[in-house]
Protein backbone atom coordinates (compact mmCIF):
# COMPACT_ATOMS: atom_id res chain seq x y z
CA UNK A 1 -77.09 56.66 30.99
CA UNK A 2 -79.33 59.81 32.18
CA UNK A 3 -77.49 59.64 35.53
CA UNK A 4 -74.28 59.79 33.42
CA UNK A 5 -75.54 62.76 31.68
CA UNK A 6 -76.52 64.67 35.45
CA UNK A 7 -73.09 63.69 36.46
CA UNK A 8 -71.23 65.36 33.72
CA UNK A 9 -73.60 68.32 34.33
CA UNK A 10 -72.95 68.74 37.72
CA UNK A 11 -68.91 68.39 37.03
CA UNK A 12 -69.30 71.52 34.34
CA UNK A 13 -70.95 73.30 37.12
CA UNK A 14 -73.37 76.59 36.65
CA UNK A 15 -72.69 76.61 32.93
CA UNK A 16 -74.77 73.29 32.25
CA UNK A 17 -76.27 71.96 35.60
CA UNK A 18 -79.19 74.66 35.24
CA UNK A 19 -80.15 73.07 32.36
CA UNK A 20 -81.21 69.28 33.66
CA UNK A 21 -84.57 69.41 33.39
CA UNK A 22 -84.48 70.39 29.83
CA UNK A 23 -81.88 67.57 28.97
CA UNK A 24 -84.12 64.91 30.75
CA UNK A 25 -86.85 65.83 27.38
CA UNK A 26 -86.21 62.75 25.10
CA UNK A 27 -86.29 64.91 22.08
CA UNK A 28 -83.00 67.20 23.48
CA UNK A 29 -80.93 65.25 25.66
CA UNK A 30 -77.27 66.08 26.27
CA UNK A 31 -76.41 66.33 22.28
CA UNK A 32 -79.34 68.39 22.05
CA UNK A 33 -78.68 70.84 24.55
CA UNK A 34 -74.86 71.38 23.12
CA UNK A 35 -76.51 72.55 19.95
CA UNK A 36 -78.54 74.81 21.54
CA UNK A 37 -75.68 76.33 23.67
CA UNK A 38 -73.31 76.78 20.51
CA UNK A 39 -76.34 78.41 18.47
CA UNK A 40 -76.24 82.02 17.29
CA UNK A 41 -79.55 83.52 17.24
CA UNK A 42 -80.73 86.70 15.55
CA UNK A 43 -83.86 88.35 16.91
CA UNK A 44 -85.16 91.43 14.86
CA UNK A 45 -87.57 93.29 16.89
CA UNK A 46 -87.21 93.82 20.52
CA UNK A 47 -90.49 94.56 21.57
CA UNK A 48 -93.50 92.09 22.65
CA UNK A 49 -92.64 88.81 20.86
CA UNK A 50 -88.90 89.87 20.84
CA UNK A 51 -88.56 90.21 24.70
CA UNK A 52 -90.40 86.97 25.37
CA UNK A 53 -88.38 85.03 22.59
CA UNK A 54 -84.90 86.56 24.07
CA UNK A 55 -85.82 85.55 27.97
CA UNK A 56 -86.98 81.81 26.72
CA UNK A 57 -83.87 81.53 24.76
CA UNK A 58 -81.47 82.34 27.34
CA UNK A 59 -83.51 80.25 29.63
CA UNK A 60 -83.22 77.37 27.50
CA UNK A 61 -79.22 77.61 27.46
CA UNK A 62 -78.59 79.71 23.99
CA UNK A 63 -75.34 81.50 24.92
CA UNK A 64 -75.33 84.07 21.84
CA UNK A 65 -77.83 86.57 21.02
CA UNK A 66 -78.10 89.34 18.40
CA UNK A 67 -80.87 91.82 19.07
CA UNK A 68 -82.00 94.79 16.76
CA UNK A 69 -84.44 97.48 17.65
CA UNK A 70 -84.30 101.34 17.12
CA UNK A 71 -87.07 101.89 19.67
CA UNK A 72 -86.81 103.06 23.19
CA UNK A 73 -88.86 101.80 26.08
CA UNK A 74 -92.42 103.59 26.54
CA UNK A 75 -95.03 103.13 29.33
CA UNK A 76 -97.38 101.65 26.96
CA UNK A 77 -94.96 98.80 26.24
CA UNK A 78 -95.29 97.18 29.78
CA UNK A 79 -98.92 95.75 29.14
CA UNK A 80 -97.33 93.30 26.89
CA UNK A 81 -93.55 93.20 26.83
CA UNK A 82 -91.36 91.57 29.14
CA UNK A 83 -88.10 92.51 30.50
CA UNK A 84 -88.81 96.02 30.67
CA UNK A 85 -89.66 97.99 34.01
CA UNK A 86 -91.34 101.23 34.73
CA UNK A 87 -87.92 102.77 35.61
CA UNK A 88 -87.01 101.60 32.13
CA UNK A 89 -89.32 103.62 30.60
CA UNK A 90 -88.90 106.85 32.84
CA UNK A 91 -85.24 106.52 31.58
CA UNK A 92 -86.12 106.26 28.33
CA UNK A 93 -83.94 103.45 27.74
CA UNK A 94 -83.16 101.98 24.45
CA UNK A 95 -84.93 98.50 24.13
CA UNK A 96 -82.13 96.40 23.12
CA UNK A 97 -80.16 98.26 26.30
CA UNK A 98 -82.81 97.17 28.87
CA UNK A 99 -83.25 93.64 27.35
CA UNK A 100 -79.61 93.12 27.67
CA UNK A 101 -79.27 94.23 30.93
CA UNK A 102 -82.26 92.03 32.46
CA UNK A 103 -80.84 89.05 30.12
CA UNK A 104 -77.56 89.08 31.67
CA UNK A 105 -79.12 88.96 35.18
CA UNK A 106 -80.61 85.48 34.08
CA UNK A 107 -77.17 84.12 32.47
CA UNK A 108 -74.02 86.58 33.30
CA UNK A 109 -72.07 84.28 30.77
CA UNK A 110 -74.31 85.04 27.73
CA UNK A 111 -73.05 87.06 25.13
CA UNK A 112 -75.34 89.48 23.93
CA UNK A 113 -74.99 91.71 21.16
CA UNK A 114 -77.19 94.75 20.58
CA UNK A 115 -77.83 97.18 17.87
CA UNK A 116 -80.32 100.33 18.42
CA UNK A 117 -80.88 100.69 14.57
CA UNK A 118 -83.33 99.14 11.92
CA UNK A 119 -82.59 96.08 10.56
CA UNK A 120 -81.95 97.35 6.79
CA UNK A 121 -79.05 99.41 8.88
CA UNK A 122 -77.85 96.43 11.10
CA UNK A 123 -77.38 93.99 7.93
CA UNK A 124 -74.41 96.08 7.31
CA UNK A 125 -72.69 94.62 10.27
CA UNK A 126 -70.42 91.46 10.00
CA UNK A 127 -71.39 88.26 11.59
CA UNK A 128 -69.57 85.14 11.14
CA UNK A 129 -72.21 82.74 11.73
CA UNK A 130 -76.13 82.93 12.35
CA UNK A 131 -77.86 79.76 12.64
CA UNK A 132 -81.56 81.27 12.72
CA UNK A 133 -83.64 84.56 12.46
CA UNK A 134 -86.44 85.47 14.66
CA UNK A 135 -88.89 87.63 13.07
CA UNK A 136 -90.48 89.56 15.79
CA UNK A 137 -91.30 92.66 14.33
CA UNK A 138 -94.30 94.80 14.02
CA UNK A 139 -94.83 95.67 10.29
CA UNK A 140 -94.44 93.85 7.01
CA UNK A 141 -91.65 96.35 5.46
CA UNK A 142 -89.24 94.99 8.04
CA UNK A 143 -90.44 91.17 7.50
CA UNK A 144 -89.97 91.91 3.67
CA UNK A 145 -86.29 92.94 4.45
CA UNK A 146 -85.71 89.73 6.60
CA UNK A 147 -87.12 87.67 4.00
CA UNK A 148 -85.03 88.95 1.13
CA UNK A 149 -81.76 88.81 3.69
CA UNK A 150 -82.67 85.11 4.17
CA UNK A 151 -82.95 84.44 0.68
CA UNK A 152 -80.07 85.96 -0.48
CA UNK A 153 -77.87 84.16 2.43
CA UNK A 154 -79.61 80.77 2.43
CA UNK A 155 -80.82 81.20 5.91
CA UNK A 156 -84.18 80.16 7.68
CA UNK A 157 -86.18 82.15 9.85
CA UNK A 158 -89.46 82.07 11.90
CA UNK A 159 -92.23 84.55 11.32
CA UNK A 160 -94.23 85.44 14.15
CA UNK A 161 -97.10 88.05 14.51
CA UNK A 162 -99.85 88.97 17.05
CA UNK A 163 -102.75 91.11 16.86
CA UNK A 164 -106.10 91.74 18.82
CA UNK A 165 -106.71 88.18 20.31
CA UNK A 166 -104.85 86.33 17.46
CA UNK A 167 -101.44 85.39 16.34
CA UNK A 168 -99.78 83.78 13.74
CA UNK A 169 -96.17 81.19 13.18
CA UNK A 170 -94.59 79.79 10.61
CA UNK A 171 -90.66 78.46 10.13
CA UNK A 172 -89.52 79.73 6.58
CA UNK A 173 -86.70 78.86 4.59
CA UNK A 174 -87.14 80.97 1.46
CA UNK A 175 -84.25 79.12 -0.57
CA UNK A 176 -85.62 75.91 -0.07
CA UNK A 177 -89.46 76.27 0.40
CA UNK A 178 -92.04 79.07 0.25
CA UNK A 179 -91.13 82.54 1.03
CA UNK A 180 -92.67 85.10 2.98
CA UNK A 181 -94.32 86.67 -0.04
CA UNK A 182 -95.56 82.92 -1.10
CA UNK A 183 -97.51 83.12 2.09
CA UNK A 184 -98.94 86.71 1.68
CA UNK A 185 -98.75 87.67 -1.88
CA UNK A 186 -100.11 91.06 -0.82
CA UNK A 187 -97.24 91.88 0.89
CA UNK A 188 -96.70 95.26 -0.92
CA UNK A 189 -100.02 96.22 0.04
CA UNK A 190 -99.45 95.26 3.71
CA UNK A 191 -96.13 97.32 4.03
CA UNK A 192 -98.37 100.61 3.59
CA UNK A 193 -100.27 99.72 6.57
CA UNK A 194 -99.53 101.55 10.08
CA UNK A 195 -97.41 99.56 12.57
CA UNK A 196 -99.31 100.42 15.89
CA UNK A 197 -102.84 100.80 15.02
CA UNK A 198 -104.09 97.60 16.15
CA UNK A 199 -104.51 96.49 19.87
CA UNK A 200 -103.39 93.26 21.28
CA UNK A 201 -104.18 91.36 24.38
CA UNK A 202 -101.36 90.58 26.86
CA UNK A 203 -101.78 86.54 26.86
CA UNK A 204 -101.38 86.00 23.00
CA UNK A 205 -97.97 87.48 23.09
CA UNK A 206 -96.18 84.81 25.21
CA UNK A 207 -98.47 82.06 23.44
CA UNK A 208 -97.35 82.75 20.14
CA UNK A 209 -93.97 83.71 21.39
CA UNK A 210 -93.96 80.17 22.88
CA UNK A 211 -94.77 78.34 19.72
CA UNK A 212 -92.11 80.49 17.84
CA UNK A 213 -89.30 78.97 20.32
CA UNK A 214 -90.36 75.80 20.23
CA UNK A 215 -89.74 75.67 16.54
CA UNK A 216 -86.62 77.26 17.09
CA UNK A 217 -85.57 74.41 19.51
CA UNK A 218 -86.52 71.69 17.04
CA UNK A 219 -84.80 73.47 14.10
CA UNK A 220 -81.35 73.59 16.31
CA UNK A 221 -81.55 70.29 17.60
CA UNK A 222 -82.19 68.94 13.71
CA UNK A 223 -85.96 67.87 14.35
CA UNK A 224 -87.63 70.79 12.38
CA UNK A 225 -88.32 69.47 8.75
CA UNK A 226 -91.33 71.09 7.75
CA UNK A 227 -91.11 75.02 6.38
CA UNK A 228 -94.27 74.66 4.63
CA UNK A 229 -97.08 75.02 7.24
CA UNK A 230 -98.57 78.25 8.73
CA UNK A 231 -99.89 77.99 12.08
CA UNK A 232 -102.91 80.41 13.17
CA UNK A 233 -103.63 80.74 17.08
CA UNK A 234 -107.38 82.05 17.92
CA UNK A 235 -106.76 82.73 21.91
CA UNK A 236 -110.74 84.18 22.31
CA UNK A 237 -112.35 81.64 22.20
CA UNK A 238 -109.65 79.26 21.47
CA UNK A 239 -108.90 77.75 18.20
CA UNK A 240 -105.70 76.70 16.39
CA UNK A 241 -105.52 75.86 12.62
CA UNK A 242 -102.51 74.76 10.44
CA UNK A 243 -102.46 75.45 6.65
CA UNK A 244 -99.87 73.97 4.26
CA UNK A 245 -98.20 76.43 1.93
CA UNK A 246 -96.34 75.57 -1.32
CA UNK A 247 -93.54 77.93 -3.05
CA UNK A 248 -95.15 79.96 -5.70
CA UNK A 249 -93.55 79.29 -9.00
CA UNK A 250 -94.63 82.79 -10.17
CA UNK A 251 -93.18 84.41 -6.65
CA UNK A 252 -91.39 88.11 -7.72
CA UNK A 253 -89.15 87.90 -4.44
CA UNK A 254 -88.29 83.82 -4.69
CA UNK A 255 -86.88 84.71 -8.16
CA UNK A 256 -85.37 87.81 -7.42
CA UNK A 257 -87.36 89.51 -10.28
CA UNK A 258 -88.95 93.19 -10.55
CA UNK A 259 -92.61 93.89 -11.29
CA UNK A 260 -91.72 97.04 -12.96
CA UNK A 261 -90.15 97.95 -16.04
CA UNK A 262 -89.55 101.68 -15.09
CA UNK A 263 -89.06 103.40 -11.45
CA UNK A 264 -92.25 102.68 -9.21
CA UNK A 265 -94.30 105.48 -7.61
CA UNK A 266 -92.49 106.61 -4.28
CA UNK A 267 -94.94 105.83 -1.61
CA UNK A 268 -94.71 106.22 2.39
CA UNK A 269 -95.00 103.02 4.22
CA UNK A 270 -94.47 102.15 8.20
CA UNK A 271 -92.42 104.59 10.25
CA UNK A 272 -92.40 107.30 8.07
CA UNK A 273 -90.18 105.64 5.47
CA UNK A 274 -90.37 106.05 1.77
CA UNK A 275 -90.04 103.27 -0.78
CA UNK A 276 -89.58 102.67 -4.50
CA UNK A 277 -88.51 100.03 -6.84
CA UNK A 278 -85.82 101.32 -9.41
CA UNK A 279 -85.58 98.16 -12.29
CA UNK A 280 -82.14 97.24 -13.87
CA UNK A 281 -80.74 98.81 -10.26
CA UNK A 282 -76.87 97.74 -10.60
CA UNK A 283 -75.17 98.36 -6.99
CA UNK A 284 -71.90 98.91 -8.87
CA UNK A 285 -73.80 102.11 -10.53
CA UNK A 286 -74.80 102.89 -7.12
CA UNK A 287 -71.60 102.81 -5.44
CA UNK A 288 -70.16 104.79 -8.65
CA UNK A 289 -72.61 107.46 -7.68
CA UNK A 290 -71.23 107.75 -4.21
CA UNK A 291 -67.30 107.71 -5.32
CA UNK A 292 -68.33 110.42 -8.02
CA UNK A 293 -70.10 112.34 -5.47
CA UNK A 294 -67.81 111.64 -2.37
CA UNK A 295 -70.67 110.54 -0.35
CA UNK A 296 -70.22 107.90 2.58
CA UNK A 297 -71.43 104.70 2.09
CA UNK A 298 -71.71 100.93 3.35
CA UNK A 299 -71.96 98.13 1.23
CA UNK A 300 -72.65 94.43 1.27
CA UNK A 301 -73.51 91.58 -1.10
CA UNK A 302 -77.34 92.47 -1.40
CA UNK A 303 -77.37 96.18 -0.48
CA UNK A 304 -75.65 99.58 -0.31
CA UNK A 305 -76.70 102.19 2.11
CA UNK A 306 -75.79 105.77 1.08
CA UNK A 307 -75.37 108.77 3.78
CA UNK A 308 -76.51 112.30 2.88
CA UNK A 309 -76.04 114.35 5.91
CA UNK A 310 -78.94 113.49 8.02
CA UNK A 311 -80.68 111.00 5.43
CA UNK A 312 -79.99 107.46 4.60
CA UNK A 313 -80.86 105.47 1.50
CA UNK A 314 -80.58 102.12 1.11
CA UNK A 315 -80.47 100.41 -2.22
CA UNK A 316 -81.04 96.79 -2.39
CA UNK A 317 -79.74 94.52 -5.30
CA UNK A 318 -83.60 93.62 -6.30
CA UNK A 319 -84.04 97.26 -7.06
CA UNK A 320 -86.09 97.97 -3.52
CA UNK A 321 -85.18 101.17 -2.27
CA UNK A 322 -85.99 102.90 1.11
CA UNK A 323 -85.47 106.57 1.96
CA UNK A 324 -84.86 107.52 5.58
CA UNK A 325 -85.37 110.74 7.25
CA UNK A 326 -86.82 112.54 4.54
CA UNK A 327 -90.02 114.75 4.22
CA UNK A 328 -92.54 113.87 1.67
CA UNK A 329 -90.76 116.99 -0.67
CA UNK A 330 -87.40 116.06 0.10
CA UNK A 331 -87.92 112.46 -0.63
CA UNK A 332 -89.65 113.03 -3.81
CA UNK A 333 -86.86 115.61 -4.97
CA UNK A 334 -84.21 112.94 -4.04
CA UNK A 335 -86.00 110.20 -6.03
CA UNK A 336 -86.06 112.62 -9.22
CA UNK A 337 -82.60 113.31 -8.98
CA UNK A 338 -81.83 109.18 -8.51
CA UNK A 339 -84.16 108.67 -11.61
CA UNK A 340 -82.77 111.03 -13.67
CA UNK A 341 -79.02 109.57 -12.82
CA UNK A 342 -80.07 106.01 -13.74
CA UNK A 343 -82.03 107.28 -16.85
CA UNK A 344 -78.84 108.74 -18.12
CA UNK A 345 -76.86 104.98 -17.61
CA UNK A 346 -79.73 103.41 -19.30
CA UNK A 347 -81.14 105.38 -22.16
């Protein structure tokens, strides 16, 4: 049977023959390789974890990747991020652009869509089919948005993070099992922490990324059934632990419930982004405000992004609201106006 498979791949030519060694693995085979080939994977974050993930996926045979990251390549990235070079840093290339160039050198026939923007902006782009999302971000605000997105659209994602000499990985299917907030109940507090304040050693990144991609392949070939296990890896000294996490019946995110009965305090989070929660928020009311004030906006089933000159505000269906480009004074002033407007609608 194996000879027939290899012969078939040879006839197919370059497209499939390169995956011969992977197809020889019993858990994958020809059928599994075809599933990998057909997958559409969204990678949020094109830094340390994201670049390793993207390279491995292209090498495994994934033909369609979507990369999202707002940043440019900097020299300090080169210590822990693959795909990038000193020339990329000197040219201040967008990470997604530099990554795409290198990935196409590995497989010129792959389709790689890139968005140099934040995830909450990129989620307004239309994609007919996404099979899986890889969380390769460096902050918990972005992870919360991924969690909410997957919950709303019934998608699985694989969470991964690294810091210092350790890392964590967990496959999540929020609509069926625990969500990220079930795993980290203090998610709101974690969002307030800075992004790049903790160091990280080089080898922990490919180690955690490889576990993430192994779980990804297991899911793509239909062999991943457990969405309840958090894997924790300490590399110095080496220790691996796994913990079972159950869905929390009182989880506010899972139940799409608000934790406030009035607008919460406006707070600054990672990346100079301000956030708050407006209870009883209706996307229809926000859309009405945009139309009434002749504001530019984008809408999808879970959020509205409002454009105010160089400022952006994203309102989510669950009341979570993000302010981008504002100084603290400007954010508070705009927050007050929106709060007053909503109060008039809900006296």
